[in-house]
């Protein structure tokens, strides 16, 4: 099960373009989340940035990235992987 139910456009609408650009500029890191059955070969990464939603509430915008365990193991370094945001969440 992947996190990040919001698209980039939805994240921009809720948190603003500056917040989305800020989270996209952050380095992601392992979340250490134990993945559920059927996703055991997937490793979750995330990056976060503080923001204010459209209602003026302080919150955190999180971008989620996923890699296969095989790709991570075979890569010479994490910077050699293809990093694409799968989705966003706002907490």
C-alpha atoms as a PDB file:
ATOM      1  CA  UNK A   1       0.000   0.000   0.000  1.00  0.00           C
ATOM      2  CA  UNK A   2       1.467   3.282  -1.099  1.00  0.00           C
ATOM      3  CA  UNK A   3       1.068   6.584   0.699  1.00  0.00           C
ATOM      4  CA  UNK A   4       0.686   9.843  -1.147  1.00  0.00           C
ATOM      5  CA  UNK A   5      -2.942  10.006  -2.241  1.00  0.00           C
ATOM      6  CA  UNK A   6      -2.670  13.603  -3.458  1.00  0.00           C
ATOM      7  CA  UNK A   7      -1.403  14.557  -6.888  1.00  0.00           C
ATOM      8  CA  UNK A   8       0.974  17.479  -7.336  1.00  0.00           C
ATOM      9  CA  UNK A   9      -1.905  19.655  -8.556  1.00  0.00           C
ATOM     10  CA  UNK A  10      -3.976  18.799  -5.474  1.00  0.00           C
ATOM     11  CA  UNK A  11      -1.022  19.539  -3.183  1.00  0.00           C
ATOM     12  CA  UNK A  12      -0.525  22.921  -4.877  1.00  0.00           C
ATOM     13  CA  UNK A  13      -4.229  23.707  -4.440  1.00  0.00           C
ATOM     14  CA  UNK A  14      -4.178  22.869  -0.733  1.00  0.00           C
ATOM     15  CA  UNK A  15      -0.681  23.904   0.394  1.00  0.00           C
ATOM     16  CA  UNK A  16       0.410  26.316  -2.316  1.00  0.00           C
ATOM     17  CA  UNK A  17       3.051  26.179  -5.010  1.00  0.00           C
ATOM     18  CA  UNK A  18       5.828  27.441  -2.701  1.00  0.00           C
ATOM     19  CA  UNK A  19       5.279  24.558  -0.270  1.00  0.00           C
ATOM     20  CA  UNK A  20       5.270  21.989  -3.064  1.00  0.00           C
ATOM     21  CA  UNK A  21       8.495  23.398  -4.496  1.00  0.00           C
ATOM     22  CA  UNK A  22      10.009  23.395  -0.995  1.00  0.00           C
ATOM     23  CA  UNK A  23       9.237  19.713  -0.367  1.00  0.00           C
ATOM     24  CA  UNK A  24      10.464  18.801  -3.845  1.00  0.00           C
ATOM     25  CA  UNK A  25      13.785  20.506  -3.062  1.00  0.00           C
ATOM     26  CA  UNK A  26      14.271  18.484   0.139  1.00  0.00           C
ATOM     27  CA  UNK A  27      16.328  15.305   0.159  1.00  0.00           C
ATOM     28  CA  UNK A  28      14.202  12.263   0.879  1.00  0.00           C
ATOM     29  CA  UNK A  29      15.172   9.595   3.373  1.00  0.00           C
ATOM     30  CA  UNK A  30      14.095   6.091   4.383  1.00  0.00           C
ATOM     31  CA  UNK A  31      10.853   6.070   6.372  1.00  0.00           C
ATOM     32  CA  UNK A  32      11.662   2.651   7.900  1.00  0.00           C
ATOM     33  CA  UNK A  33       7.997   1.720   7.532  1.00  0.00           C
ATOM     34  CA  UNK A  34       7.353  -2.009   7.452  1.00  0.00           C
ATOM     35  CA  UNK A  35       5.547  -2.505   4.172  1.00  0.00           C
ATOM     36  CA  UNK A  36       2.375  -4.639   4.133  1.00  0.00           C
ATOM     37  CA  UNK A  37       1.957  -8.031   2.466  1.00  0.00           C
ATOM     38  CA  UNK A  38       2.432  -7.830  -1.269  1.00  0.00           C
ATOM     39  CA  UNK A  39       4.763  -4.836  -0.996  1.00  0.00           C
ATOM     40  CA  UNK A  40       7.688  -6.494   0.819  1.00  0.00           C
ATOM     41  CA  UNK A  41      10.055  -5.726  -2.065  1.00  0.00           C
ATOM     42  CA  UNK A  42       9.298  -1.975  -1.887  1.00  0.00           C
ATOM     43  CA  UNK A  43      11.203   0.588   0.176  1.00  0.00           C
ATOM     44  CA  UNK A  44       9.469   3.826   1.141  1.00  0.00           C
ATOM     45  CA  UNK A  45      11.196   7.207   1.266  1.00  0.00           C
ATOM     46  CA  UNK A  46       9.774  10.615   2.122  1.00  0.00           C
ATOM     47  CA  UNK A  47      10.634  14.283   2.373  1.00  0.00           C
ATOM     48  CA  UNK A  48       8.666  16.899   4.276  1.00  0.00           C
ATOM     49  CA  UNK A  49       8.293  20.650   4.554  1.00  0.00           C
ATOM     50  CA  UNK A  50       6.217  22.839   6.862  1.00  0.00           C
ATOM     51  CA  UNK A  51       3.358  24.697   5.219  1.00  0.00           C
ATOM     52  CA  UNK A  52       0.047  26.438   5.781  1.00  0.00           C
ATOM     53  CA  UNK A  53      -3.044  25.016   4.094  1.00  0.00           C
ATOM     54  CA  UNK A  54      -5.725  26.998   2.263  1.00  0.00           C
ATOM     55  CA  UNK A  55      -7.606  27.484   5.560  1.00  0.00           C
ATOM     56  CA  UNK A  56      -4.541  29.010   7.241  1.00  0.00           C
ATOM     57  CA  UNK A  57      -3.774  25.948   9.369  1.00  0.00           C
ATOM     58  CA  UNK A  58      -0.119  25.083   9.969  1.00  0.00           C
ATOM     59  CA  UNK A  59       0.645  21.617   8.634  1.00  0.00           C
ATOM     60  CA  UNK A  60       3.323  19.483   7.031  1.00  0.00           C
ATOM     61  CA  UNK A  61       3.500  18.547   3.359  1.00  0.00           C
ATOM     62  CA  UNK A  62       5.062  15.149   2.737  1.00  0.00           C
ATOM     63  CA  UNK A  63       6.244  13.778  -0.612  1.00  0.00           C
ATOM     64  CA  UNK A  64       6.503   9.985  -0.934  1.00  0.00           C
ATOM     65  CA  UNK A  65       8.955   8.098  -3.116  1.00  0.00           C
ATOM     66  CA  UNK A  66       9.250   4.335  -3.627  1.00  0.00           C
ATOM     67  CA  UNK A  67      12.101   2.135  -4.833  1.00  0.00           C
ATOM     68  CA  UNK A  68      12.380  -1.602  -5.174  1.00  0.00           C
ATOM     69  CA  UNK A  69      14.708  -3.331  -2.730  1.00  0.00           C
ATOM     70  CA  UNK A  70      16.625  -4.779  -5.686  1.00  0.00           C
ATOM     71  CA  UNK A  71      17.213  -1.336  -7.209  1.00  0.00           C
ATOM     72  CA  UNK A  72      18.452   0.016  -3.872  1.00  0.00           C
ATOM     73  CA  UNK A  73      20.753  -2.987  -3.353  1.00  0.00           C
ATOM     74  CA  UNK A  74      22.208  -2.785  -6.868  1.00  0.00           C
ATOM     75  CA  UNK A  75      22.722   0.987  -6.953  1.00  0.00           C
ATOM     76  CA  UNK A  76      26.221   2.333  -6.391  1.00  0.00           C
ATOM     77  CA  UNK A  77      24.598   4.968  -4.212  1.00  0.00           C
ATOM     78  CA  UNK A  78      21.119   6.325  -3.626  1.00  0.00           C
ATOM     79  CA  UNK A  79      21.909   9.312  -5.844  1.00  0.00           C
ATOM     80  CA  UNK A  80      22.091   6.885  -8.792  1.00  0.00           C
ATOM     81  CA  UNK A  81      18.413   5.946  -8.479  1.00  0.00           C
ATOM     82  CA  UNK A  82      15.569   7.531 -10.438  1.00  0.00           C
ATOM     83  CA  UNK A  83      13.683   9.641  -7.884  1.00  0.00           C
ATOM     84  CA  UNK A  84      10.096  10.360  -8.830  1.00  0.00           C
ATOM     85  CA  UNK A  85       7.467  11.492  -6.366  1.00  0.00           C
ATOM     86  CA  UNK A  86       4.595   9.030  -6.249  1.00  0.00           C
ATOM     87  CA  UNK A  87       2.267  11.309  -4.303  1.00  0.00           C
ATOM     88  CA  UNK A  88       1.788  13.853  -1.526  1.00  0.00           C
ATOM     89  CA  UNK A  89       0.069  13.922   1.852  1.00  0.00           C
ATOM     90  CA  UNK A  90      -0.715  16.815   4.167  1.00  0.00           C
ATOM     91  CA  UNK A  91      -0.663  16.290   7.918  1.00  0.00           C
END
